[in-house]
Amino acid sequence: MRGVITTSGGVDLWPHYSEIFAKDAPELTVMRREDITDPAQVDFVFTFIPPADVFEGMSGLKAIFSAGAGTDAIMACPSRPESVPVYRVEDADQALQMAGFAAFHVLWHHRDMGRYVAQQAKGKWSRTVTGLSPSYRRVGVLGFGHMGRAIAKGLMGLGYAVAGYSRRAPDPAEPGVQHFHGDGLDDFLAQTDILINVLPLTSTTRGMIDAGFLQKLPQGAALVQIGRGGQVVEDELMAVLDSGHLSGASLDVFETEPLPQEHPLWAHPKVLITPHVASIPERRFVVQSIRERLSSL
């Protein structure tokens, strides 16, 4: 089968993946878009933020693969054939990365680690001696797909009570998780002390996490945003943090990336910023996932 590896959002995927395809999937011929003389012979495209015209003339296209967990840029591409399926990379390693990242930030907020970092700078020794048990924090996972399920399992292993919210009831349900779906969102938020967002970006979730949404969380709750940029209304988040209703926020994705240096989130004392690193797909696992999917088409 013949595939195209594209430049995505200014990042050329070719040097990162061409050798891996040649080594681990030699039956797949991959080329740059500009080297394709007959687009009708292309069977699949591997991309993340595709050029607007990348799919033109690909009448024989069988599949489109995302280089990351998100597909919103691919779905919005004007030349994308609507009948061609789009596949996310869903491998066990990436889910483990996400689960570990989420666990770190749950502990960061629960155990008030930001305070200890600030104390270290002052040479101050002051301990919290109560409320350290995981039983003191209820964690809610917003979005209960491949990543959400892995996060829930990891946190339950640490002893946290975990709830999950999804549009529809998960099938199968995850043992030990309190599941909410459909019109149960407000009830889910009301009993969530640390909210982890892993929802995809859609017309429904864009701007979803605004002041009204965040104020439905209990007083002193924290947000861990590892979903997609554009879901959090950033100025409203800062206002809710400043009001004291939220105790803190961990933010890994943003409306504009890289986050502009002048953005006030950088200096906010209740915000921990990371540069979109909750999970970085291992190239060999990505290629393996594509190979397995294509073999079933």
C-alpha atoms as a PDB file:
ATOM      1  CA  MET A   1       0.000   0.000   0.000  1.00  0.00           C
ATOM      2  CA  ARG A   2       1.126   3.552  -0.686  1.00  0.00           C
ATOM      3  CA  GLY A   3       0.946   6.360   1.834  1.00  0.00           C
ATOM      4  CA  VAL A   4       1.751  10.036   2.234  1.00  0.00           C
ATOM      5  CA  ILE A   5       3.488  11.589   5.238  1.00  0.00           C
ATOM      6  CA  THR A   6       2.735  15.296   5.435  1.00  0.00           C
ATOM      7  CA  THR A   7       4.124  18.438   6.926  1.00  0.00           C
ATOM      8  CA  SER A   8       1.867  19.214   9.881  1.00  0.00           C
ATOM      9  CA  GLY A   9       1.534  22.680  11.365  1.00  0.00           C
ATOM     10  CA  GLY A  10       5.028  23.624  10.292  1.00  0.00           C
ATOM     11  CA  VAL A  11       6.524  20.340  11.592  1.00  0.00           C
ATOM     12  CA  ASP A  12       7.768  17.938   8.918  1.00  0.00           C
ATOM     13  CA  LEU A  13       6.830  14.408  10.002  1.00  0.00           C
ATOM     14  CA  TRP A  14       8.918  12.849   7.231  1.00  0.00           C
ATOM     15  CA  PRO A  15      12.374  12.803   8.931  1.00  0.00           C
ATOM     16  CA  HIS A  16      10.822  11.494  12.145  1.00  0.00           C
ATOM     17  CA  TYR A  17       8.834   8.634  10.604  1.00  0.00           C
ATOM     18  CA  SER A  18      10.164   7.603   7.174  1.00  0.00           C
ATOM     19  CA  GLU A  19      12.930   5.380   8.578  1.00  0.00           C
ATOM     20  CA  ILE A  20      10.541   3.788  11.095  1.00  0.00           C
ATOM     21  CA  PHE A  21       8.117   2.877   8.306  1.00  0.00           C
ATOM     22  CA  ALA A  22      10.972   1.413   6.252  1.00  0.00           C
ATOM     23  CA  LYS A  23      12.204  -0.671   9.189  1.00  0.00           C
ATOM     24  CA  ASP A  24       8.962  -1.769  10.871  1.00  0.00           C
ATOM     25  CA  ALA A  25       6.477  -1.748   7.972  1.00  0.00           C
ATOM     26  CA  PRO A  26       8.493  -2.422   4.793  1.00  0.00           C
ATOM     27  CA  GLU A  27       5.377  -3.508   2.900  1.00  0.00           C
ATOM     28  CA  LEU A  28       4.080   0.073   3.113  1.00  0.00           C
ATOM     29  CA  THR A  29       5.543   2.588   0.655  1.00  0.00           C
ATOM     30  CA  VAL A  30       5.555   6.093   2.132  1.00  0.00           C
ATOM     31  CA  MET A  31       6.336   9.301   0.270  1.00  0.00           C
ATOM     32  CA  ARG A  32       6.165  13.043   0.698  1.00  0.00           C
ATOM     33  CA  ARG A  33       3.102  14.725  -0.806  1.00  0.00           C
ATOM     34  CA  GLU A  34       5.197  16.644  -3.313  1.00  0.00           C
ATOM     35  CA  ASP A  35       6.715  13.407  -4.642  1.00  0.00           C
ATOM     36  CA  ILE A  36       3.353  11.862  -5.541  1.00  0.00           C
ATOM     37  CA  THR A  37       2.721  11.969  -9.301  1.00  0.00           C
ATOM     38  CA  ASP A  38      -0.675  10.261  -9.212  1.00  0.00           C
ATOM     39  CA  PRO A  39      -2.712  11.117  -6.073  1.00  0.00           C
ATOM     40  CA  ALA A  40      -5.349   8.543  -7.059  1.00  0.00           C
ATOM     41  CA  GLN A  41      -2.876   5.789  -6.126  1.00  0.00           C
ATOM     42  CA  VAL A  42      -2.516   6.954  -2.513  1.00  0.00           C
ATOM     43  CA  ASP A  43      -4.079   4.513  -0.042  1.00  0.00           C
ATOM     44  CA  PHE A  44      -3.499   6.382   3.240  1.00  0.00           C
ATOM     45  CA  VAL A  45      -2.307   9.686   4.652  1.00  0.00           C
ATOM     46  CA  PHE A  46      -0.425  10.177   7.926  1.00  0.00           C
ATOM     47  CA  THR A  47      -0.793  13.734   9.253  1.00  0.00           C
ATOM     48  CA  PHE A  48      -1.781  15.906  12.209  1.00  0.00           C
ATOM     49  CA  ILE A  49      -2.404  19.460  10.997  1.00  0.00           C
ATOM     50  CA  PRO A  50      -2.740  18.855   7.252  1.00  0.00           C
ATOM     51  CA  PRO A  51      -2.249  21.464   4.519  1.00  0.00           C
ATOM     52  CA  ALA A  52      -5.619  22.601   3.181  1.00  0.00           C
ATOM     53  CA  ASP A  53      -5.199  20.922  -0.223  1.00  0.00           C
ATOM     54  CA  VAL A  54      -3.370  17.762   0.819  1.00  0.00           C
ATOM     55  CA  PHE A  55      -6.204  15.322  -0.044  1.00  0.00           C
ATOM     56  CA  GLU A  56      -6.987  16.715  -3.493  1.00  0.00           C
ATOM     57  CA  GLY A  57      -7.098  14.031  -6.193  1.00  0.00           C
ATOM     58  CA  MET A  58      -6.834  11.121  -3.720  1.00  0.00           C
ATOM     59  CA  SER A  59      -9.804   9.225  -5.111  1.00  0.00           C
ATOM     60  CA  GLY A  60      -8.515   5.863  -3.906  1.00  0.00           C
ATOM     61  CA  LEU A  61      -7.891   6.936  -0.308  1.00  0.00           C
ATOM     62  CA  LYS A  62      -8.789   4.252   2.256  1.00  0.00           C
ATOM     63  CA  ALA A  63      -7.729   5.798   5.586  1.00  0.00           C
ATOM     64  CA  ILE A  64      -6.368   8.920   7.268  1.00  0.00           C
ATOM     65  CA  PHE A  65      -4.199   8.540  10.376  1.00  0.00           C
ATOM     66  CA  SER A  66      -3.528  11.206  12.973  1.00  0.00           C
ATOM     67  CA  ALA A  67       0.001  11.567  14.343  1.00  0.00           C
ATOM     68  CA  GLY A  68      -1.522  12.380  17.742  1.00  0.00           C
ATOM     69  CA  ALA A  69      -4.564  11.718  19.876  1.00  0.00           C
ATOM     70  CA  GLY A  70      -6.519  14.637  18.390  1.00  0.00           C
ATOM     71  CA  THR A  71      -8.179  14.730  14.978  1.00  0.00           C
ATOM     72  CA  ASP A  72      -9.853  18.168  15.002  1.00  0.00           C
ATOM     73  CA  ALA A  73      -7.432  19.736  12.478  1.00  0.00           C
ATOM     74  CA  ILE A  74      -7.874  16.783  10.137  1.00  0.00           C
ATOM     75  CA  MET A  75     -11.666  16.905  10.382  1.00  0.00           C
ATOM     76  CA  ALA A  76     -11.589  20.629   9.569  1.00  0.00           C
ATOM     77  CA  CYS A  77      -9.364  20.219   6.478  1.00  0.00           C
ATOM     78  CA  PRO A  78     -11.379  21.439   3.454  1.00  0.00           C
ATOM     79  CA  SER A  79     -10.016  18.811   1.068  1.00  0.00           C
ATOM     80  CA  ARG A  80     -10.704  15.820   3.344  1.00  0.00           C
ATOM     81  CA  PRO A  81     -13.002  13.251   1.684  1.00  0.00           C
ATOM     82  CA  GLU A  82     -15.896  12.861   4.122  1.00  0.00           C
ATOM     83  CA  SER A  83     -16.345   9.167   3.338  1.00  0.00           C
ATOM     84  CA  VAL A  84     -12.777   8.228   4.336  1.00  0.00           C
ATOM     85  CA  PRO A  85     -12.355   7.112   7.975  1.00  0.00           C
ATOM     86  CA  VAL A  86     -10.026   9.084  10.256  1.00  0.00           C
ATOM     87  CA  TYR A  87      -8.165   7.106  12.926  1.00  0.00           C
ATOM     88  CA  ARG A  88      -6.595   8.347  16.118  1.00  0.00           C
ATOM     89  CA  VAL A  89      -3.403   6.800  17.368  1.00  0.00           C
ATOM     90  CA  GLU A  90      -4.543   4.668  20.300  1.00  0.00           C
ATOM     91  CA  ASP A  91      -1.717   2.619  21.726  1.00  0.00           C
ATOM     92  CA  ALA A  92      -1.248   1.298  25.240  1.00  0.00           C
ATOM     93  CA  ASP A  93       2.032   3.179  25.749  1.00  0.00           C
ATOM     94  CA  GLN A  94       0.494   6.580  25.012  1.00  0.00           C
ATOM     95  CA  ALA A  95      -2.374   5.835  27.395  1.00  0.00           C
ATOM     96  CA  LEU A  96       0.145   4.939  30.124  1.00  0.00           C
ATOM     97  CA  GLN A  97       1.977   8.216  29.548  1.00  0.00           C
ATOM     98  CA  MET A  98      -1.279  10.122  29.913  1.00  0.00           C
ATOM     99  CA  ALA A  99      -2.245   8.197  33.038  1.00  0.00           C
ATOM    100  CA  GLY A 100       1.103   8.925  34.673  1.00  0.00           C
ATOM    101  CA  PHE A 101       0.896  12.599  33.777  1.00  0.00           C
ATOM    102  CA  ALA A 102      -2.609  12.856  35.213  1.00  0.00           C
ATOM    103  CA  ALA A 103      -1.564  11.069  38.411  1.00  0.00           C
ATOM    104  CA  PHE A 104       1.315  13.518  38.893  1.00  0.00           C
ATOM    105  CA  HIS A 105      -1.021  16.491  38.667  1.00  0.00           C
ATOM    106  CA  VAL A 106      -3.651  14.950  40.937  1.00  0.00           C
ATOM    107  CA  LEU A 107      -0.923  14.521  43.558  1.00  0.00           C
ATOM    108  CA  TRP A 108       0.378  18.036  42.845  1.00  0.00           C
ATOM    109  CA  HIS A 109      -2.972  19.564  43.697  1.00  0.00           C
ATOM    110  CA  HIS A 110      -4.021  17.160  46.444  1.00  0.00           C
ATOM    111  CA  ARG A 111      -0.708  17.337  48.279  1.00  0.00           C
ATOM    112  CA  ASP A 112      -0.303  21.100  47.667  1.00  0.00           C
ATOM    113  CA  MET A 113       3.115  20.675  46.092  1.00  0.00           C
ATOM    114  CA  GLY A 114       3.137  24.208  44.691  1.00  0.00           C
ATOM    115  CA  ARG A 115       3.271  25.514  48.261  1.00  0.00           C
ATOM    116  CA  TYR A 116       6.371  23.434  48.995  1.00  0.00           C
ATOM    117  CA  VAL A 117       8.108  24.686  45.860  1.00  0.00           C
ATOM    118  CA  ALA A 118       7.426  28.256  46.995  1.00  0.00           C
ATOM    119  CA  GLN A 119       8.622  27.426  50.525  1.00  0.00           C
ATOM    120  CA  GLN A 120      11.880  25.965  49.207  1.00  0.00           C
ATOM    121  CA  ALA A 121      12.719  29.262  47.538  1.00  0.00           C
ATOM    122  CA  LYS A 122      12.380  30.926  50.965  1.00  0.00           C
ATOM    123  CA  GLY A 123      14.122  28.205  52.972  1.00  0.00           C
ATOM    124  CA  LYS A 124      10.894  27.673  54.909  1.00  0.00           C
ATOM    125  CA  TRP A 125       9.995  24.376  56.648  1.00  0.00           C
ATOM    126  CA  SER A 126       6.242  23.993  57.132  1.00  0.00           C
ATOM    127  CA  ARG A 127       4.320  20.721  56.784  1.00  0.00           C
ATOM    128  CA  THR A 128       0.748  19.707  56.107  1.00  0.00           C
ATOM    129  CA  VAL A 129      -0.049  16.856  58.493  1.00  0.00           C
ATOM    130  CA  THR A 130      -3.710  16.115  57.759  1.00  0.00           C
ATOM    131  CA  GLY A 131      -5.762  15.387  54.645  1.00  0.00           C
ATOM    132  CA  LEU A 132      -3.045  13.413  52.864  1.00  0.00           C
ATOM    133  CA  SER A 133      -5.065  10.241  52.330  1.00  0.00           C
ATOM    134  CA  PRO A 134      -6.486   9.772  48.818  1.00  0.00           C
ATOM    135  CA  SER A 135      -9.859   9.423  50.503  1.00  0.00           C
ATOM    136  CA  TYR A 136      -9.892  13.216  50.882  1.00  0.00           C
ATOM    137  CA  ARG A 137     -10.105  13.914  47.149  1.00  0.00           C
ATOM    138  CA  ARG A 138     -12.689  12.783  44.603  1.00  0.00           C
ATOM    139  CA  VAL A 139     -11.330  12.742  41.056  1.00  0.00           C
ATOM    140  CA  GLY A 140     -13.517  13.205  37.978  1.00  0.00           C
ATOM    141  CA  VAL A 141     -12.395  12.199  34.478  1.00  0.00           C
ATOM    142  CA  LEU A 142     -14.222  14.242  31.822  1.00  0.00           C
ATOM    143  CA  GLY A 143     -14.202  12.086  28.693  1.00  0.00           C
ATOM    144  CA  PHE A 144     -14.106   8.331  29.155  1.00  0.00           C
ATOM    145  CA  GLY A 145     -12.540   6.902  26.029  1.00  0.00           C
ATOM    146  CA  HIS A 146      -9.196   5.145  25.606  1.00  0.00           C
ATOM    147  CA  MET A 147      -7.232   7.780  27.545  1.00  0.00           C
ATOM    148  CA  GLY A 148      -9.885   8.453  30.185  1.00  0.00           C
ATOM    149  CA  ARG A 149     -10.183   4.783  31.043  1.00  0.00           C
ATOM    150  CA  ALA A 150      -6.392   4.432  31.497  1.00  0.00           C
ATOM    151  CA  ILE A 151      -6.311   7.526  33.724  1.00  0.00           C
ATOM    152  CA  ALA A 152      -9.150   6.188  35.871  1.00  0.00           C
ATOM    153  CA  LYS A 153      -7.430   2.820  36.345  1.00  0.00           C
ATOM    154  CA  GLY A 154      -4.170   4.470  37.372  1.00  0.00           C
ATOM    155  CA  LEU A 155      -5.793   6.748  39.921  1.00  0.00           C
ATOM    156  CA  MET A 156      -7.882   3.960  41.415  1.00  0.00           C
ATOM    157  CA  GLY A 157      -4.619   2.062  41.863  1.00  0.00           C
ATOM    158  CA  LEU A 158      -3.438   4.970  44.024  1.00  0.00           C
ATOM    159  CA  GLY A 159      -6.571   4.751  46.148  1.00  0.00           C
ATOM    160  CA  TYR A 160      -8.591   7.667  44.751  1.00  0.00           C
ATOM    161  CA  ALA A 161     -12.338   7.545  44.295  1.00  0.00           C
ATOM    162  CA  VAL A 162     -12.850   8.118  40.562  1.00  0.00           C
ATOM    163  CA  ALA A 163     -15.913   9.135  38.564  1.00  0.00           C
ATOM    164  CA  GLY A 164     -16.149   9.405  34.792  1.00  0.00           C
ATOM    165  CA  TYR A 165     -18.382  11.406  32.484  1.00  0.00           C
ATOM    166  CA  SER A 166     -19.134  10.652  28.829  1.00  0.00           C
ATOM    167  CA  ARG A 167     -21.935  11.457  26.389  1.00  0.00           C
ATOM    168  CA  ARG A 168     -23.100   7.858  26.463  1.00  0.00           C
ATOM    169  CA  ALA A 169     -22.732   5.141  29.071  1.00  0.00           C
ATOM    170  CA  PRO A 170     -19.341   3.432  28.557  1.00  0.00           C
ATOM    171  CA  ASP A 171     -19.421  -0.076  27.185  1.00  0.00           C
ATOM    172  CA  PRO A 172     -18.111  -1.875  29.069  1.00  0.00           C
ATOM    173  CA  ALA A 173     -18.359   0.034  32.336  1.00  0.00           C
ATOM    174  CA  GLU A 174     -15.077   0.271  34.242  1.00  0.00           C
ATOM    175  CA  PRO A 175     -15.323  -1.609  37.574  1.00  0.00           C
ATOM    176  CA  GLY A 176     -14.878   0.717  40.529  1.00  0.00           C
ATOM    177  CA  VAL A 177     -15.639   3.902  38.562  1.00  0.00           C
ATOM    178  CA  GLN A 178     -18.817   5.874  39.242  1.00  0.00           C
ATOM    179  CA  HIS A 179     -20.162   6.571  35.766  1.00  0.00           C
ATOM    180  CA  PHE A 180     -22.145   9.627  34.675  1.00  0.00           C
ATOM    181  CA  HIS A 181     -23.383  10.299  31.163  1.00  0.00           C
ATOM    182  CA  GLY A 182     -25.856  12.370  29.175  1.00  0.00           C
ATOM    183  CA  ASP A 183     -27.652  14.890  31.388  1.00  0.00           C
ATOM    184  CA  GLY A 184     -25.632  13.855  34.459  1.00  0.00           C
ATOM    185  CA  LEU A 185     -22.851  16.408  33.861  1.00  0.00           C
ATOM    186  CA  ASP A 186     -23.883  18.796  36.646  1.00  0.00           C
ATOM    187  CA  ASP A 187     -24.091  15.961  39.174  1.00  0.00           C
ATOM    188  CA  PHE A 188     -20.665  14.756  38.036  1.00  0.00           C
ATOM    189  CA  LEU A 189     -19.124  18.215  38.479  1.00  0.00           C
ATOM    190  CA  ALA A 190     -20.749  18.781  41.881  1.00  0.00           C
ATOM    191  CA  GLN A 191     -18.885  15.820  43.387  1.00  0.00           C
ATOM    192  CA  THR A 192     -15.493  16.347  41.687  1.00  0.00           C
ATOM    193  CA  ASP A 193     -12.618  17.828  43.708  1.00  0.00           C
ATOM    194  CA  ILE A 194     -10.013  17.410  40.954  1.00  0.00           C
ATOM    195  CA  LEU A 195     -11.306  17.522  37.381  1.00  0.00           C
ATOM    196  CA  ILE A 196      -9.224  15.955  34.598  1.00  0.00           C
ATOM    197  CA  ASN A 197     -10.388  16.926  31.113  1.00  0.00           C
ATOM    198  CA  VAL A 198      -9.517  14.583  28.233  1.00  0.00           C
ATOM    199  CA  LEU A 199     -12.407  15.399  25.903  1.00  0.00           C
ATOM    200  CA  PRO A 200     -11.803  15.794  22.145  1.00  0.00           C
ATOM    201  CA  LEU A 201     -12.328  19.204  20.571  1.00  0.00           C
ATOM    202  CA  THR A 202     -15.716  19.441  18.844  1.00  0.00           C
ATOM    203  CA  SER A 203     -18.254  22.169  18.190  1.00  0.00           C
ATOM    204  CA  THR A 204     -19.857  21.157  21.508  1.00  0.00           C
ATOM    205  CA  THR A 205     -16.694  21.134  23.626  1.00  0.00           C
ATOM    206  CA  ARG A 206     -15.130  24.328  22.220  1.00  0.00           C
ATOM    207  CA  GLY A 207     -15.388  26.949  24.978  1.00  0.00           C
ATOM    208  CA  MET A 208     -17.193  24.435  27.191  1.00  0.00           C
ATOM    209  CA  ILE A 209     -15.027  25.028  30.276  1.00  0.00           C
ATOM    210  CA  ASP A 210     -16.031  28.589  31.112  1.00  0.00           C
ATOM    211  CA  ALA A 211     -16.770  30.372  34.387  1.00  0.00           C
ATOM    212  CA  GLY A 212     -20.247  28.904  34.700  1.00  0.00           C
ATOM    213  CA  PHE A 213     -18.917  25.401  34.140  1.00  0.00           C
ATOM    214  CA  LEU A 214     -16.073  25.780  36.658  1.00  0.00           C
ATOM    215  CA  GLN A 215     -18.324  27.234  39.337  1.00  0.00           C
ATOM    216  CA  LYS A 216     -20.292  23.965  39.343  1.00  0.00           C
ATOM    217  CA  LEU A 217     -17.235  22.300  40.872  1.00  0.00           C
ATOM    218  CA  PRO A 218     -16.975  22.304  44.702  1.00  0.00           C
ATOM    219  CA  GLN A 219     -15.220  25.191  46.450  1.00  0.00           C
ATOM    220  CA  GLY A 220     -11.457  24.608  46.359  1.00  0.00           C
ATOM    221  CA  ALA A 221     -11.530  22.216  43.396  1.00  0.00           C
ATOM    222  CA  ALA A 222      -8.672  22.012  40.874  1.00  0.00           C
ATOM    223  CA  LEU A 223      -8.559  21.594  37.093  1.00  0.00           C
ATOM    224  CA  VAL A 224      -6.159  19.403  35.109  1.00  0.00           C
ATOM    225  CA  GLN A 225      -6.565  20.357  31.439  1.00  0.00           C
ATOM    226  CA  ILE A 226      -5.021  17.759  29.121  1.00  0.00           C
ATOM    227  CA  GLY A 227      -7.806  17.684  26.515  1.00  0.00           C
ATOM    228  CA  ARG A 228      -7.535  20.128  23.639  1.00  0.00           C
ATOM    229  CA  GLY A 229      -6.776  23.833  23.365  1.00  0.00           C
ATOM    230  CA  GLY A 230      -9.918  25.874  22.804  1.00  0.00           C
ATOM    231  CA  GLN A 231     -12.000  24.025  25.378  1.00  0.00           C
ATOM    232  CA  VAL A 232     -11.064  26.301  28.284  1.00  0.00           C
ATOM    233  CA  VAL A 233     -12.043  29.973  28.185  1.00  0.00           C
ATOM    234  CA  GLU A 234      -8.723  31.140  29.562  1.00  0.00           C
ATOM    235  CA  ASP A 235      -9.655  34.588  30.889  1.00  0.00           C
ATOM    236  CA  GLU A 236     -12.702  33.137  32.653  1.00  0.00           C
ATOM    237  CA  LEU A 237     -10.551  30.407  34.201  1.00  0.00           C
ATOM    238  CA  MET A 238      -8.245  33.089  35.620  1.00  0.00           C
ATOM    239  CA  ALA A 239     -11.228  34.974  37.026  1.00  0.00           C
ATOM    240  CA  VAL A 240     -12.503  31.844  38.807  1.00  0.00           C
ATOM    241  CA  LEU A 241      -9.002  31.187  40.172  1.00  0.00           C
ATOM    242  CA  ASP A 242      -8.749  34.789  41.384  1.00  0.00           C
ATOM    243  CA  SER A 243     -12.127  34.533  43.096  1.00  0.00           C
ATOM    244  CA  GLY A 244     -10.816  31.643  45.201  1.00  0.00           C
ATOM    245  CA  HIS A 245     -13.398  29.168  43.971  1.00  0.00           C
ATOM    246  CA  LEU A 246     -10.671  27.068  42.335  1.00  0.00           C
ATOM    247  CA  SER A 247      -7.504  26.257  44.262  1.00  0.00           C
ATOM    248  CA  GLY A 248      -5.385  25.716  41.171  1.00  0.00           C
ATOM    249  CA  ALA A 249      -5.076  24.531  37.582  1.00  0.00           C
ATOM    250  CA  SER A 250      -2.628  22.445  35.583  1.00  0.00           C
ATOM    251  CA  LEU A 251      -2.701  23.390  31.904  1.00  0.00           C
ATOM    252  CA  ASP A 252      -0.997  21.410  29.152  1.00  0.00           C
ATOM    253  CA  VAL A 253      -2.959  22.617  26.095  1.00  0.00           C
ATOM    254  CA  PHE A 254      -3.976  26.119  25.038  1.00  0.00           C
ATOM    255  CA  GLU A 255      -6.022  28.079  22.524  1.00  0.00           C
ATOM    256  CA  THR A 256      -2.770  29.420  21.019  1.00  0.00           C
ATOM    257  CA  GLU A 257       0.349  27.257  21.010  1.00  0.00           C
ATOM    258  CA  PRO A 258       3.064  27.974  21.843  1.00  0.00           C
ATOM    259  CA  LEU A 259       1.481  30.040  24.623  1.00  0.00           C
ATOM    260  CA  PRO A 260       2.525  33.658  23.927  1.00  0.00           C
ATOM    261  CA  GLN A 261       5.193  34.948  26.320  1.00  0.00           C
ATOM    262  CA  GLU A 262       3.018  37.903  27.283  1.00  0.00           C
ATOM    263  CA  HIS A 263       0.035  35.728  28.256  1.00  0.00           C
ATOM    264  CA  PRO A 264      -0.981  36.317  31.903  1.00  0.00           C
ATOM    265  CA  LEU A 265      -1.326  32.587  32.548  1.00  0.00           C
ATOM    266  CA  TRP A 266       2.482  32.312  32.692  1.00  0.00           C
ATOM    267  CA  ALA A 267       2.666  34.424  35.831  1.00  0.00           C
ATOM    268  CA  HIS A 268      -0.490  33.231  37.573  1.00  0.00           C
ATOM    269  CA  PRO A 269       0.452  31.872  41.014  1.00  0.00           C
ATOM    270  CA  LYS A 270      -2.187  29.107  40.935  1.00  0.00           C
ATOM    271  CA  VAL A 271      -1.346  27.772  37.476  1.00  0.00           C
ATOM    272  CA  LEU A 272       1.165  25.094  36.501  1.00  0.00           C
ATOM    273  CA  ILE A 273       1.981  25.182  32.774  1.00  0.00           C
ATOM    274  CA  THR A 274       3.474  22.412  30.648  1.00  0.00           C
ATOM    275  CA  PRO A 275       4.072  22.658  26.860  1.00  0.00           C
ATOM    276  CA  HIS A 276       1.632  20.041  25.479  1.00  0.00           C
ATOM    277  CA  VAL A 277       3.589  17.048  26.781  1.00  0.00           C
ATOM    278  CA  ALA A 278       0.947  14.938  28.558  1.00  0.00           C
ATOM    279  CA  SER A 279       1.744  12.171  26.084  1.00  0.00           C
ATOM    280  CA  ILE A 280       4.117  12.008  23.133  1.00  0.00           C
ATOM    281  CA  PRO A 281       3.512   9.002  20.883  1.00  0.00           C
ATOM    282  CA  GLU A 282       6.470   6.654  20.484  1.00  0.00           C
ATOM    283  CA  ARG A 283       7.091   6.473  16.744  1.00  0.00           C
ATOM    284  CA  ARG A 284       7.460   2.693  16.594  1.00  0.00           C
ATOM    285  CA  PHE A 285       4.097   2.218  18.308  1.00  0.00           C
ATOM    286  CA  VAL A 286       2.439   4.702  15.947  1.00  0.00           C
ATOM    287  CA  VAL A 287       3.711   2.858  12.886  1.00  0.00           C
ATOM    288  CA  GLN A 288       2.710  -0.473  14.403  1.00  0.00           C
ATOM    289  CA  SER A 289      -0.811   0.860  15.011  1.00  0.00           C
ATOM    290  CA  ILE A 290      -1.095   2.091  11.398  1.00  0.00           C
ATOM    291  CA  ARG A 291       0.215  -1.219  10.035  1.00  0.00           C
ATOM    292  CA  GLU A 292      -2.295  -3.229  12.064  1.00  0.00           C
ATOM    293  CA  ARG A 293      -5.207  -1.003  11.070  1.00  0.00           C
ATOM    294  CA  LEU A 294      -4.349  -1.127   7.362  1.00  0.00           C
ATOM    295  CA  SER A 295      -4.091  -4.920   7.441  1.00  0.00           C
ATOM    296  CA  SER A 296      -7.726  -5.074   8.531  1.00  0.00           C
ATOM    297  CA  LEU A 297      -9.089  -2.770   5.810  1.00  0.00           C
END
